[in-house]
Protein backbone atom coordinates (compact mmCIF):
# COMPACT_ATOMS: atom_id res chain seq x y z
CA UNK A 1 29.32 -4.71 -10.73
CA UNK A 2 27.74 -6.03 -7.53
CA UNK A 3 24.25 -7.45 -7.44
CA UNK A 4 21.93 -5.34 -5.27
CA UNK A 5 20.73 -7.03 -2.11
CA UNK A 6 17.21 -8.45 -2.31
CA UNK A 7 14.25 -6.41 -1.11
CA UNK A 8 10.91 -7.51 0.27
CA UNK A 9 7.87 -5.22 0.10
CA UNK A 10 4.41 -5.75 1.55
CA UNK A 11 1.11 -4.45 0.20
CA UNK A 12 -1.51 -2.82 2.39
CA UNK A 13 -4.86 -2.96 0.61
CA UNK A 14 -7.40 -0.24 1.42
CA UNK A 15 -10.40 -2.06 -0.06
CA UNK A 16 -12.59 -4.84 1.32
CA UNK A 17 -14.69 -5.42 -1.81
CA UNK A 18 -14.45 -8.95 -3.26
CA UNK A 19 -14.22 -7.67 -6.85
CA UNK A 20 -11.93 -4.77 -5.92
CA UNK A 21 -10.02 -3.12 -8.76
CA UNK A 22 -7.38 -2.12 -6.25
CA UNK A 23 -6.97 -5.74 -5.16
CA UNK A 24 -6.40 -6.59 -8.84
CA UNK A 25 -3.66 -3.97 -8.95
CA UNK A 26 -2.08 -5.31 -5.73
CA UNK A 27 -2.18 -8.90 -7.03
CA UNK A 28 -0.32 -7.84 -10.19
CA UNK A 29 2.61 -6.28 -8.34
CA UNK A 30 4.71 -9.40 -7.63
CA UNK A 31 4.98 -10.19 -11.33
CA UNK A 32 5.80 -6.55 -12.15
CA UNK A 33 8.56 -6.25 -9.56
CA UNK A 34 12.15 -5.84 -10.69
CA UNK A 35 14.62 -8.68 -10.30
CA UNK A 36 15.61 -9.12 -6.67
CA UNK A 37 12.35 -7.71 -5.30
CA UNK A 38 9.59 -9.81 -3.77
CA UNK A 39 6.16 -8.48 -2.86
CA UNK A 40 3.56 -10.13 -0.64
CA UNK A 41 0.21 -9.02 0.79
CA UNK A 42 -0.33 -8.10 4.40
CA UNK A 43 -3.34 -9.49 6.25
CA UNK A 44 -6.74 -7.95 5.76
CA UNK A 45 -7.61 -4.71 7.48
CA UNK A 46 -11.12 -6.15 7.79
CA UNK A 47 -9.74 -8.01 10.82
CA UNK A 48 -9.13 -4.74 12.70
CA UNK A 49 -11.88 -3.57 15.06
CA UNK A 50 -12.85 0.10 15.04
CA UNK A 51 -10.13 1.96 16.87
CA UNK A 52 -10.93 2.74 20.48
CA UNK A 53 -8.61 3.58 23.34
CA UNK A 54 -10.73 1.23 25.46
CA UNK A 55 -10.02 -1.69 23.12
CA UNK A 56 -6.33 -0.77 23.02
CA UNK A 57 -6.20 -0.62 26.83
CA UNK A 58 -7.55 -4.20 26.92
CA UNK A 59 -4.71 -5.26 24.60
CA UNK A 60 -3.84 -4.80 20.95
CA UNK A 61 -5.76 -7.12 18.62
CA UNK A 62 -3.61 -9.95 17.24
CA UNK A 63 -4.27 -8.82 13.64
CA UNK A 64 -2.87 -5.36 14.40
CA UNK A 65 0.27 -6.74 16.04
CA UNK A 66 0.84 -9.24 13.22
CA UNK A 67 0.54 -6.53 10.57
CA UNK A 68 2.82 -4.19 12.52
CA UNK A 69 5.47 -6.92 12.76
CA UNK A 70 5.20 -7.74 9.04
CA UNK A 71 5.64 -4.03 8.21
CA UNK A 72 8.64 -3.75 10.54
CA UNK A 73 10.26 -6.75 8.83
CA UNK A 74 9.63 -5.45 5.30
CA UNK A 75 11.92 -3.18 3.34
CA UNK A 76 8.95 -1.07 2.25
CA UNK A 77 5.17 -0.83 2.12
CA UNK A 78 3.01 -0.32 -0.96
CA UNK A 79 -0.42 1.04 -0.09
CA UNK A 80 -3.00 0.29 -2.78
CA UNK A 81 -6.34 1.96 -2.19
CA UNK A 82 -9.47 3.36 -3.77
CA UNK A 83 -10.72 6.88 -3.15
CA UNK A 84 -13.95 7.29 -1.19
CA UNK A 85 -15.61 10.71 -1.02
CA UNK A 86 -12.43 12.59 -1.99
CA UNK A 87 -10.38 10.79 0.68
CA UNK A 88 -9.17 7.43 1.94
CA UNK A 89 -11.60 4.65 2.84
CA UNK A 90 -12.54 4.60 6.52
CA UNK A 91 -11.19 1.05 6.93
CA UNK A 92 -7.74 2.16 5.75
CA UNK A 93 -7.72 5.19 8.05
CA UNK A 94 -8.77 2.90 10.90
CA UNK A 95 -5.87 0.54 10.13
CA UNK A 96 -3.42 3.45 10.08
CA UNK A 97 -4.84 4.70 13.39
CA UNK A 98 -4.26 1.26 14.96
CA UNK A 99 -0.78 0.87 13.48
CA UNK A 100 0.18 4.37 14.65
CA UNK A 101 -0.26 3.31 18.26
CA UNK A 102 1.96 0.23 18.17
CA UNK A 103 5.41 0.67 19.74
CA UNK A 104 7.85 0.76 18.11
CA UNK A 105 5.88 2.53 15.39
CA UNK A 106 6.13 0.24 12.32
CA UNK A 107 5.76 2.94 9.65
CA UNK A 108 8.35 5.33 11.12
CA UNK A 109 11.23 5.76 8.66
CA UNK A 110 9.68 3.08 6.43
CA UNK A 111 9.70 3.61 2.64
CA UNK A 112 6.11 3.78 1.36
CA UNK A 113 4.73 3.87 -2.17
CA UNK A 114 1.11 4.76 -2.85
CA UNK A 115 -1.04 3.44 -5.67
CA UNK A 116 -4.66 4.38 -6.21
CA UNK A 117 -7.14 3.16 -8.78
CA UNK A 118 -10.56 4.55 -9.50
CA UNK A 119 -13.29 4.30 -12.13
CA UNK A 120 -13.07 8.11 -12.39
CA UNK A 121 -10.68 10.11 -14.52
CA UNK A 122 -8.16 11.25 -11.89
CA UNK A 123 -7.52 7.84 -10.39
CA UNK A 124 -7.70 8.60 -6.68
CA UNK A 125 -5.47 11.68 -6.52
CA UNK A 126 -7.35 13.21 -3.59
CA UNK A 127 -7.05 10.00 -1.56
CA UNK A 128 -3.31 10.05 -2.15
CA UNK A 129 -2.96 13.56 -0.81
CA UNK A 130 -4.98 12.79 2.33
CA UNK A 131 -3.03 9.59 2.88
CA UNK A 132 0.25 11.47 2.56
CA UNK A 133 -0.84 13.78 5.39
CA UNK A 134 -1.31 10.85 7.77
CA UNK A 135 1.99 9.32 6.69
CA UNK A 136 3.85 12.58 7.38
CA UNK A 137 2.68 12.41 10.99
CA UNK A 138 3.96 8.84 11.22
CA UNK A 139 7.33 9.88 9.74
CA UNK A 140 7.01 7.40 6.87
CA UNK A 141 9.21 8.15 3.86
CA UNK A 142 6.82 8.38 0.91
CA UNK A 143 8.04 8.01 -2.66
CA UNK A 144 7.12 11.28 -4.35
CA UNK A 145 7.46 10.24 -7.99
CA UNK A 146 6.32 8.58 -10.04
CA UNK A 147 2.82 8.81 -8.59
CA UNK A 148 0.54 5.91 -9.54
CA UNK A 149 -3.03 7.13 -9.99
CA UNK A 150 -4.89 4.73 -12.26
CA UNK A 151 -7.96 6.38 -13.76
CA UNK A 152 -10.78 4.57 -15.54
CA UNK A 153 -9.57 1.34 -13.98
CA UNK A 154 -12.70 -0.62 -14.90
CA UNK A 155 -11.45 -0.80 -18.49
CA UNK A 156 -8.00 -1.98 -17.35
CA UNK A 157 -9.06 -5.02 -15.34
CA UNK A 158 -10.61 -8.15 -16.85
CA UNK A 159 -14.09 -8.39 -15.32
CA UNK A 160 -14.08 -12.20 -15.34
CA UNK A 161 -10.62 -12.92 -13.96
CA UNK A 162 -10.10 -9.68 -11.97
CA UNK A 163 -6.62 -9.46 -13.51
CA UNK A 164 -4.95 -6.18 -14.39
CA UNK A 165 -4.60 -6.55 -18.17
CA UNK A 166 -3.83 -3.07 -19.49
CA UNK A 167 -0.27 -3.16 -20.84
CA UNK A 168 0.44 0.55 -20.44
CA UNK A 169 -0.70 0.49 -16.81
CA UNK A 170 1.35 -2.63 -16.08
CA UNK A 171 4.46 -1.02 -17.60
CA UNK A 172 3.91 2.16 -15.61
CA UNK A 173 3.50 0.22 -12.35
CA UNK A 174 6.67 -1.73 -13.14
CA UNK A 175 8.52 1.58 -13.55
CA UNK A 176 7.14 2.84 -10.23
CA UNK A 177 8.27 -0.39 -8.53
CA UNK A 178 11.76 0.06 -10.01
CA UNK A 179 11.89 3.63 -8.69
CA UNK A 180 10.57 2.48 -5.30
CA UNK A 181 13.25 -0.19 -5.13
CA UNK A 182 15.97 2.40 -5.72
CA UNK A 183 14.34 4.69 -3.14
CA UNK A 184 14.18 1.90 -0.53
CA UNK A 185 17.80 0.93 -1.14
CA UNK A 186 18.93 4.53 -0.60
CA UNK A 187 17.09 4.61 2.74
CA UNK A 188 18.54 1.32 3.99
CA UNK A 189 20.74 1.71 7.06
């Protein structure tokens, strides 16, 4: 049996909050990844200005170009985000708007997994569906199942260390990462 080639995924975090539950989820992913898979964070979307054609015409911001290049070089992207007002946070939508204008388009044909975490019961399901709509336009290849929607996340993250501690959630995320790895390998040229 041959050993599968290594994969490298990057995480795109849709939250700017210092004590973000979603950041805790994203930080847990490298240790939950299957053997042969590495995961690292992208830069912060806080470094992106509000999208404007005028700003773009003056030249793409360095943070946008750096993130686009990191996405292009990755084998897949894991978007980890909260849900705001039944949708994606404005800062995440802004980042996607910027990235959508870079040529070549970094998310086109790129495997993407989505993870949402919320203090509410349904764990960000509505944000996932809105995010999927934007990703369809960009021709990203989104993992359909298993969907990772972490409800009542406040009880699953240690408030002092901001570490994802819930064993069931960690196991589920590990299973999603395993499925995402298989998905990304199938899409490799």
